[in-house]
């Protein structure tokens, strides 16, 4: 049984799109010299509002105050993620 056209197009998209995106991003002159790559600016613009909402909700929830000190992943990883993001 042969796959239908839509399945082939969808599979082709997921096969070719990542390579095309990478090739497009490699054309950015900031990758080889001074400056901030366009993809970093785009990622920051997309993630910053969500990170701000998450951080505000996390602090307001006081969830970390009720966790045991043995719960490293519940207390330290959110902080590490935020610091690495910034």
PDB file of N, CA and C in Angstrom:
ATOM      1  N   UNK A   1       0.846  -1.178   0.000  1.00  0.00           N
ATOM      2  CA  UNK A   1       0.000   0.000   0.000  1.00  0.00           C
ATOM      3  C   UNK A   1       0.893   1.243   0.000  1.00  0.00           C
ATOM      4  N   UNK A   2       0.675   2.131  -0.918  1.00  0.00           N
ATOM      5  CA  UNK A   2       1.464   3.352  -1.042  1.00  0.00           C
ATOM      6  C   UNK A   2       0.902   4.433  -0.122  1.00  0.00           C
ATOM      7  N   UNK A   3       1.780   5.227   0.479  1.00  0.00           N
ATOM      8  CA  UNK A   3       1.290   6.322   1.322  1.00  0.00           C
ATOM      9  C   UNK A   3       0.624   7.401   0.470  1.00  0.00           C
ATOM     10  N   UNK A   4      -0.344   8.076   1.054  1.00  0.00           N
ATOM     11  CA  UNK A   4      -1.026   9.124   0.298  1.00  0.00           C
ATOM     12  C   UNK A   4      -0.153  10.377   0.213  1.00  0.00           C
ATOM     13  N   UNK A   5      -0.558  11.291  -0.618  1.00  0.00           N
ATOM     14  CA  UNK A   5       0.224  12.494  -0.910  1.00  0.00           C
ATOM     15  C   UNK A   5       0.408  13.363   0.325  1.00  0.00           C
ATOM     16  N   UNK A   6      -0.649  13.509   1.127  1.00  0.00           N
ATOM     17  CA  UNK A   6      -0.552  14.355   2.313  1.00  0.00           C
ATOM     18  C   UNK A   6       0.478  13.820   3.293  1.00  0.00           C
ATOM     19  N   UNK A   7       0.514  12.515   3.476  1.00  0.00           N
ATOM     20  CA  UNK A   7       1.497  11.923   4.387  1.00  0.00           C
ATOM     21  C   UNK A   7       2.907  12.160   3.885  1.00  0.00           C
ATOM     22  N   UNK A   8       3.098  12.035   2.588  1.00  0.00           N
ATOM     23  CA  UNK A   8       4.430  12.261   2.012  1.00  0.00           C
ATOM     24  C   UNK A   8       4.850  13.723   2.167  1.00  0.00           C
ATOM     25  N   UNK A   9       3.936  14.638   1.937  1.00  0.00           N
ATOM     26  CA  UNK A   9       4.249  16.056   2.097  1.00  0.00           C
ATOM     27  C   UNK A   9       4.560  16.392   3.550  1.00  0.00           C
ATOM     28  N   UNK A  10       3.793  15.837   4.467  1.00  0.00           N
ATOM     29  CA  UNK A  10       4.033  16.084   5.881  1.00  0.00           C
ATOM     30  C   UNK A  10       5.381  15.513   6.315  1.00  0.00           C
ATOM     31  N   UNK A  11       5.681  14.310   5.881  1.00  0.00           N
ATOM     32  CA  UNK A  11       6.968  13.700   6.208  1.00  0.00           C
ATOM     33  C   UNK A  11       8.116  14.506   5.585  1.00  0.00           C
ATOM     34  N   UNK A  12       7.943  14.947   4.360  1.00  0.00           N
ATOM     35  CA  UNK A  12       8.956  15.767   3.706  1.00  0.00           C
ATOM     36  C   UNK A  12       9.187  17.077   4.427  1.00  0.00           C
ATOM     37  N   UNK A  13       8.110  17.679   4.921  1.00  0.00           N
ATOM     38  CA  UNK A  13       8.236  18.929   5.665  1.00  0.00           C
ATOM     39  C   UNK A  13       9.098  18.719   6.907  1.00  0.00           C
ATOM     40  N   UNK A  14       8.809  17.678   7.690  1.00  0.00           N
ATOM     41  CA  UNK A  14       9.565  17.432   8.918  1.00  0.00           C
ATOM     42  C   UNK A  14      10.984  16.948   8.632  1.00  0.00           C
ATOM     43  N   UNK A  15      11.229  16.467   7.460  1.00  0.00           N
ATOM     44  CA  UNK A  15      12.574  16.057   7.081  1.00  0.00           C
ATOM     45  C   UNK A  15      13.402  17.248   6.587  1.00  0.00           C
ATOM     46  N   UNK A  16      12.796  18.100   5.787  1.00  0.00           N
ATOM     47  CA  UNK A  16      13.534  19.192   5.149  1.00  0.00           C
ATOM     48  C   UNK A  16      13.531  20.505   5.931  1.00  0.00           C
ATOM     49  N   UNK A  17      12.484  20.785   6.660  1.00  0.00           N
ATOM     50  CA  UNK A  17      12.374  22.068   7.351  1.00  0.00           C
ATOM     51  C   UNK A  17      13.506  22.310   8.356  1.00  0.00           C
ATOM     52  N   UNK A  18      13.867  21.360   9.215  1.00  0.00           N
ATOM     53  CA  UNK A  18      14.962  21.644  10.156  1.00  0.00           C
ATOM     54  C   UNK A  18      16.270  21.990   9.448  1.00  0.00           C
ATOM     55  N   UNK A  19      16.594  21.283   8.386  1.00  0.00           N
ATOM     56  CA  UNK A  19      17.813  21.588   7.636  1.00  0.00           C
ATOM     57  C   UNK A  19      17.756  22.957   6.998  1.00  0.00           C
ATOM     58  N   UNK A  20      16.603  23.315   6.460  1.00  0.00           N
ATOM     59  CA  UNK A  20      16.446  24.630   5.840  1.00  0.00           C
ATOM     60  C   UNK A  20      16.570  25.738   6.878  1.00  0.00           C
ATOM     61  N   UNK A  21      16.008  25.522   8.049  1.00  0.00           N
ATOM     62  CA  UNK A  21      16.110  26.529   9.116  1.00  0.00           C
ATOM     63  C   UNK A  21      17.559  26.696   9.547  1.00  0.00           C
ATOM     64  N   UNK A  22      18.268  25.599   9.704  1.00  0.00           N
ATOM     65  CA  UNK A  22      19.676  25.668  10.106  1.00  0.00           C
ATOM     66  C   UNK A  22      20.499  26.394   9.047  1.00  0.00           C
ATOM     67  N   UNK A  23      20.294  26.053   7.786  1.00  0.00           N
ATOM     68  CA  UNK A  23      21.035  26.729   6.718  1.00  0.00           C
ATOM     69  C   UNK A  23      20.716  28.222   6.684  1.00  0.00           C
ATOM     70  N   UNK A  24      19.470  28.579   6.906  1.00  0.00           N
ATOM     71  CA  UNK A  24      19.074  29.982   6.927  1.00  0.00           C
ATOM     72  C   UNK A  24      19.760  30.714   8.090  1.00  0.00           C
ATOM     73  N   UNK A  25      19.803  30.082   9.261  1.00  0.00           N
ATOM     74  CA  UNK A  25      20.423  30.702  10.428  1.00  0.00           C
ATOM     75  C   UNK A  25      21.938  30.818  10.277  1.00  0.00           C
ATOM     76  N   UNK A  26      22.555  29.901   9.571  1.00  0.00           N
ATOM     77  CA  UNK A  26      24.003  29.951   9.374  1.00  0.00           C
ATOM     78  C   UNK A  26      24.435  31.123   8.502  1.00  0.00           C
ATOM     79  N   UNK A  27      23.498  31.729   7.794  1.00  0.00           N
ATOM     80  CA  UNK A  27      23.814  32.892   6.967  1.00  0.00           C
ATOM     81  C   UNK A  27      23.948  34.166   7.791  1.00  0.00           C
ATOM     82  N   UNK A  28      23.610  34.121   9.067  1.00  0.00           N
ATOM     83  CA  UNK A  28      23.650  35.301   9.933  1.00  0.00           C
ATOM     84  C   UNK A  28      25.100  35.734  10.155  1.00  0.00           C
ATOM     85  N   UNK A  29      25.475  36.948   9.772  1.00  0.00           N
ATOM     86  CA  UNK A  29      26.865  37.396   9.934  1.00  0.00           C
ATOM     87  C   UNK A  29      27.291  37.513  11.399  1.00  0.00           C
ATOM     88  N   UNK A  30      26.358  37.636  12.317  1.00  0.00           N
ATOM     89  CA  UNK A  30      26.714  37.755  13.730  1.00  0.00           C
ATOM     90  C   UNK A  30      27.271  36.456  14.297  1.00  0.00           C
ATOM     91  N   UNK A  31      27.053  35.345  13.622  1.00  0.00           N
ATOM     92  CA  UNK A  31      27.610  34.078  14.093  1.00  0.00           C
ATOM     93  C   UNK A  31      29.123  34.031  13.910  1.00  0.00           C
ATOM     94  N   UNK A  32      29.637  34.739  12.935  1.00  0.00           N
ATOM     95  CA  UNK A  32      31.071  34.710  12.641  1.00  0.00           C
ATOM     96  C   UNK A  32      31.805  35.947  13.156  1.00  0.00           C
ATOM     97  N   UNK A  33      31.089  36.891  13.667  1.00  0.00           N
ATOM     98  CA  UNK A  33      31.736  38.121  14.111  1.00  0.00           C
ATOM     99  C   UNK A  33      30.990  38.725  15.276  1.00  0.00           C
ATOM    100  N   UNK A  34      31.232  39.999  15.512  1.00  0.00           N
ATOM    101  CA  UNK A  34      30.566  40.649  16.638  1.00  0.00           C
ATOM    102  C   UNK A  34      29.075  40.826  16.380  1.00  0.00           C
ATOM    103  N   UNK A  35      28.342  40.901  17.442  1.00  0.00           N
ATOM    104  CA  UNK A  35      26.909  41.122  17.323  1.00  0.00           C
ATOM    105  C   UNK A  35      26.115  39.974  17.915  1.00  0.00           C
ATOM    106  N   UNK A  36      24.838  40.184  18.019  1.00  0.00           N
ATOM    107  CA  UNK A  36      23.929  39.182  18.566  1.00  0.00           C
ATOM    108  C   UNK A  36      23.202  38.531  17.394  1.00  0.00           C
ATOM    109  N   UNK A  37      23.233  37.206  17.307  1.00  0.00           N
ATOM    110  CA  UNK A  37      22.533  36.534  16.212  1.00  0.00           C
ATOM    111  C   UNK A  37      21.035  36.831  16.257  1.00  0.00           C
ATOM    112  N   UNK A  38      20.427  36.894  15.099  1.00  0.00           N
ATOM    113  CA  UNK A  38      18.998  37.189  15.018  1.00  0.00           C
ATOM    114  C   UNK A  38      18.168  36.134  15.725  1.00  0.00           C
ATOM    115  N   UNK A  39      18.605  34.877  15.672  1.00  0.00           N
ATOM    116  CA  UNK A  39      17.823  33.827  16.322  1.00  0.00           C
ATOM    117  C   UNK A  39      17.811  34.024  17.837  1.00  0.00           C
ATOM    118  N   UNK A  40      18.898  34.521  18.426  1.00  0.00           N
ATOM    119  CA  UNK A  40      18.930  34.763  19.867  1.00  0.00           C
ATOM    120  C   UNK A  40      17.959  35.879  20.247  1.00  0.00           C
ATOM    121  N   UNK A  41      17.899  36.910  19.428  1.00  0.00           N
ATOM    122  CA  UNK A  41      16.964  37.996  19.676  1.00  0.00           C
ATOM    123  C   UNK A  41      15.532  37.498  19.593  1.00  0.00           C
ATOM    124  N   UNK A  42      15.255  36.667  18.606  1.00  0.00           N
ATOM    125  CA  UNK A  42      13.907  36.116  18.426  1.00  0.00           C
ATOM    126  C   UNK A  42      13.538  35.206  19.591  1.00  0.00           C
ATOM    127  N   UNK A  43      14.459  34.323  19.996  1.00  0.00           N
ATOM    128  CA  UNK A  43      14.181  33.434  21.128  1.00  0.00           C
ATOM    129  C   UNK A  43      13.917  34.242  22.388  1.00  0.00           C
ATOM    130  N   UNK A  44      14.724  35.267  22.617  1.00  0.00           N
ATOM    131  CA  UNK A  44      14.534  36.088  23.813  1.00  0.00           C
ATOM    132  C   UNK A  44      13.168  36.770  23.797  1.00  0.00           C
ATOM    133  N   UNK A  45      12.794  37.320  22.653  1.00  0.00           N
ATOM    134  CA  UNK A  45      11.503  38.001  22.546  1.00  0.00           C
ATOM    135  C   UNK A  45      10.342  37.034  22.762  1.00  0.00           C
ATOM    136  N   UNK A  46      10.503  35.792  22.342  1.00  0.00           N
ATOM    137  CA  UNK A  46       9.436  34.805  22.517  1.00  0.00           C
ATOM    138  C   UNK A  46       9.386  34.255  23.939  1.00  0.00           C
ATOM    139  N   UNK A  47      10.528  34.071  24.552  1.00  0.00           N
ATOM    140  CA  UNK A  47      10.573  33.433  25.865  1.00  0.00           C
ATOM    141  C   UNK A  47      10.426  34.391  27.041  1.00  0.00           C
ATOM    142  N   UNK A  48      10.867  35.621  26.901  1.00  0.00           N
ATOM    143  CA  UNK A  48      10.869  36.554  28.034  1.00  0.00           C
ATOM    144  C   UNK A  48       9.489  36.750  28.658  1.00  0.00           C
ATOM    145  N   UNK A  49       8.430  36.972  27.887  1.00  0.00           N
ATOM    146  CA  UNK A  49       7.124  37.151  28.530  1.00  0.00           C
ATOM    147  C   UNK A  49       6.673  35.901  29.289  1.00  0.00           C
ATOM    148  N   UNK A  50       6.905  34.732  28.717  1.00  0.00           N
ATOM    149  CA  UNK A  50       6.507  33.489  29.400  1.00  0.00           C
ATOM    150  C   UNK A  50       7.335  33.264  30.652  1.00  0.00           C
ATOM    151  N   UNK A  51       8.625  33.587  30.591  1.00  0.00           N
ATOM    152  CA  UNK A  51       9.494  33.431  31.753  1.00  0.00           C
ATOM    153  C   UNK A  51       9.057  34.375  32.869  1.00  0.00           C
ATOM    154  N   UNK A  52       8.688  35.589  32.530  1.00  0.00           N
ATOM    155  CA  UNK A  52       8.245  36.557  33.531  1.00  0.00           C
ATOM    156  C   UNK A  52       6.963  36.095  34.219  1.00  0.00           C
ATOM    157  N   UNK A  53       6.021  35.587  33.446  1.00  0.00           N
ATOM    158  CA  UNK A  53       4.770  35.079  34.022  1.00  0.00           C
ATOM    159  C   UNK A  53       5.061  33.898  34.939  1.00  0.00           C
ATOM    160  N   UNK A  54       5.892  32.968  34.465  1.00  0.00           N
ATOM    161  CA  UNK A  54       6.223  31.793  35.277  1.00  0.00           C
ATOM    162  C   UNK A  54       6.901  32.210  36.579  1.00  0.00           C
ATOM    163  N   UNK A  55       7.883  33.104  36.509  1.00  0.00           N
ATOM    164  CA  UNK A  55       8.625  33.511  37.701  1.00  0.00           C
ATOM    165  C   UNK A  55       7.712  34.206  38.706  1.00  0.00           C
ATOM    166  N   UNK A  56       6.826  35.062  38.220  1.00  0.00           N
ATOM    167  CA  UNK A  56       5.901  35.754  39.112  1.00  0.00           C
ATOM    168  C   UNK A  56       4.975  34.761  39.801  1.00  0.00           C
ATOM    169  N   UNK A  57       4.426  33.819  39.037  1.00  0.00           N
ATOM    170  CA  UNK A  57       3.548  32.808  39.625  1.00  0.00           C
ATOM    171  C   UNK A  57       4.298  31.925  40.611  1.00  0.00           C
ATOM    172  N   UNK A  58       5.530  31.605  40.308  1.00  0.00           N
ATOM    173  CA  UNK A  58       6.337  30.753  41.197  1.00  0.00           C
ATOM    174  C   UNK A  58       6.579  31.454  42.529  1.00  0.00           C
ATOM    175  N   UNK A  59       6.940  32.724  42.492  1.00  0.00           N
ATOM    176  CA  UNK A  59       7.192  33.466  43.734  1.00  0.00           C
ATOM    177  C   UNK A  59       5.893  33.657  44.513  1.00  0.00           C
ATOM    178  N   UNK A  60       4.820  34.005  43.830  1.00  0.00           N
ATOM    179  CA  UNK A  60       3.540  34.247  44.499  1.00  0.00           C
ATOM    180  C   UNK A  60       2.954  32.989  45.119  1.00  0.00           C
ATOM    181  N   UNK A  61       3.283  31.821  44.588  1.00  0.00           N
ATOM    182  CA  UNK A  61       2.697  30.580  45.087  1.00  0.00           C
ATOM    183  C   UNK A  61       3.290  30.142  46.422  1.00  0.00           C
ATOM    184  N   UNK A  62       4.458  30.631  46.783  1.00  0.00           N
ATOM    185  CA  UNK A  62       5.168  30.209  48.002  1.00  0.00           C
ATOM    186  C   UNK A  62       5.361  28.694  48.048  1.00  0.00           C
ATOM    187  N   UNK A  63       5.355  28.064  46.915  1.00  0.00           N
ATOM    188  CA  UNK A  63       5.499  26.615  46.831  1.00  0.00           C
ATOM    189  C   UNK A  63       6.842  26.142  47.380  1.00  0.00           C
ATOM    190  N   UNK A  64       7.887  26.883  47.130  1.00  0.00           N
ATOM    191  CA  UNK A  64       9.212  26.477  47.580  1.00  0.00           C
ATOM    192  C   UNK A  64       9.320  26.468  49.100  1.00  0.00           C
ATOM    193  N   UNK A  65       8.509  27.258  49.780  1.00  0.00           N
ATOM    194  CA  UNK A  65       8.580  27.307  51.242  1.00  0.00           C
ATOM    195  C   UNK A  65       8.026  26.049  51.884  1.00  0.00           C
ATOM    196  N   UNK A  66       7.190  25.312  51.177  1.00  0.00           N
ATOM    197  CA  UNK A  66       6.580  24.103  51.745  1.00  0.00           C
ATOM    198  C   UNK A  66       7.329  22.839  51.353  1.00  0.00           C
ATOM    199  N   UNK A  67       8.357  22.945  50.549  1.00  0.00           N
ATOM    200  CA  UNK A  67       9.096  21.768  50.105  1.00  0.00           C
ATOM    201  C   UNK A  67      10.169  21.384  51.102  1.00  0.00           C
ATOM    202  N   UNK A  68      10.445  20.090  51.132  1.00  0.00           N
ATOM    203  CA  UNK A  68      11.513  19.595  51.994  1.00  0.00           C
ATOM    204  C   UNK A  68      12.865  19.990  51.408  1.00  0.00           C
ATOM    205  N   UNK A  69      13.851  20.119  52.269  1.00  0.00           N
ATOM    206  CA  UNK A  69      15.182  20.507  51.791  1.00  0.00           C
ATOM    207  C   UNK A  69      15.817  19.406  50.950  1.00  0.00           C
ATOM    208  N   UNK A  70      15.305  18.183  51.046  1.00  0.00           N
ATOM    209  CA  UNK A  70      15.834  17.089  50.233  1.00  0.00           C
ATOM    210  C   UNK A  70      15.317  17.143  48.791  1.00  0.00           C
ATOM    211  N   UNK A  71      14.332  17.963  48.531  1.00  0.00           N
ATOM    212  CA  UNK A  71      13.724  18.062  47.204  1.00  0.00           C
ATOM    213  C   UNK A  71      14.517  19.056  46.358  1.00  0.00           C
ATOM    214  N   UNK A  72      15.676  18.620  45.916  1.00  0.00           N
ATOM    215  CA  UNK A  72      16.561  19.504  45.156  1.00  0.00           C
ATOM    216  C   UNK A  72      15.912  19.955  43.851  1.00  0.00           C
ATOM    217  N   UNK A  73      15.293  19.032  43.143  1.00  0.00           N
ATOM    218  CA  UNK A  73      14.735  19.405  41.847  1.00  0.00           C
ATOM    219  C   UNK A  73      13.598  20.410  41.988  1.00  0.00           C
ATOM    220  N   UNK A  74      12.873  20.375  43.078  1.00  0.00           N
ATOM    221  CA  UNK A  74      11.767  21.312  43.263  1.00  0.00           C
ATOM    222  C   UNK A  74      12.193  22.679  43.734  1.00  0.00           C
ATOM    223  N   UNK A  75      13.391  22.775  44.308  1.00  0.00           N
ATOM    224  CA  UNK A  75      13.819  24.062  44.856  1.00  0.00           C
ATOM    225  C   UNK A  75      14.937  24.726  44.056  1.00  0.00           C
ATOM    226  N   UNK A  76      15.884  23.953  43.554  1.00  0.00           N
ATOM    227  CA  UNK A  76      17.042  24.561  42.892  1.00  0.00           C
ATOM    228  C   UNK A  76      16.926  24.627  41.378  1.00  0.00           C
ATOM    229  N   UNK A  77      16.334  23.635  40.735  1.00  0.00           N
ATOM    230  CA  UNK A  77      16.304  23.636  39.270  1.00  0.00           C
ATOM    231  C   UNK A  77      15.541  24.806  38.678  1.00  0.00           C
ATOM    232  N   UNK A  78      14.419  25.240  39.280  1.00  0.00           N
ATOM    233  CA  UNK A  78      13.786  26.444  38.723  1.00  0.00           C
ATOM    234  C   UNK A  78      14.707  27.665  38.762  1.00  0.00           C
ATOM    235  N   UNK A  79      15.468  27.799  39.834  1.00  0.00           N
ATOM    236  CA  UNK A  79      16.414  28.913  39.921  1.00  0.00           C
ATOM    237  C   UNK A  79      17.510  28.781  38.880  1.00  0.00           C
ATOM    238  N   UNK A  80      18.082  27.572  38.735  1.00  0.00           N
ATOM    239  CA  UNK A  80      19.131  27.370  37.746  1.00  0.00           C
ATOM    240  C   UNK A  80      18.624  27.676  36.339  1.00  0.00           C
ATOM    241  N   UNK A  81      17.433  27.206  36.014  1.00  0.00           N
ATOM    242  CA  UNK A  81      16.866  27.474  34.700  1.00  0.00           C
ATOM    243  C   UNK A  81      16.709  28.958  34.427  1.00  0.00           C
ATOM    244  N   UNK A  82      16.259  29.695  35.436  1.00  0.00           N
ATOM    245  CA  UNK A  82      16.084  31.128  35.279  1.00  0.00           C
ATOM    246  C   UNK A  82      17.420  31.838  35.101  1.00  0.00           C
ATOM    247  N   UNK A  83      18.407  31.453  35.897  1.00  0.00           N
ATOM    248  CA  UNK A  83      19.719  32.092  35.797  1.00  0.00           C
ATOM    249  C   UNK A  83      20.357  31.800  34.442  1.00  0.00           C
ATOM    250  N   UNK A  84      20.282  30.555  33.980  1.00  0.00           N
ATOM    251  CA  UNK A  84      20.853  30.227  32.681  1.00  0.00           C
ATOM    252  C   UNK A  84      20.119  30.938  31.556  1.00  0.00           C
ATOM    253  N   UNK A  85      18.802  31.131  31.708  1.00  0.00           N
ATOM    254  CA  UNK A  85      18.051  31.857  30.692  1.00  0.00           C
ATOM    255  C   UNK A  85      18.530  33.302  30.596  1.00  0.00           C
ATOM    256  N   UNK A  86      18.716  33.928  31.752  1.00  0.00           N
ATOM    257  CA  UNK A  86      19.141  35.328  31.757  1.00  0.00           C
ATOM    258  C   UNK A  86      20.557  35.456  31.276  1.00  0.00           C
TER     259      UNK A  86
END
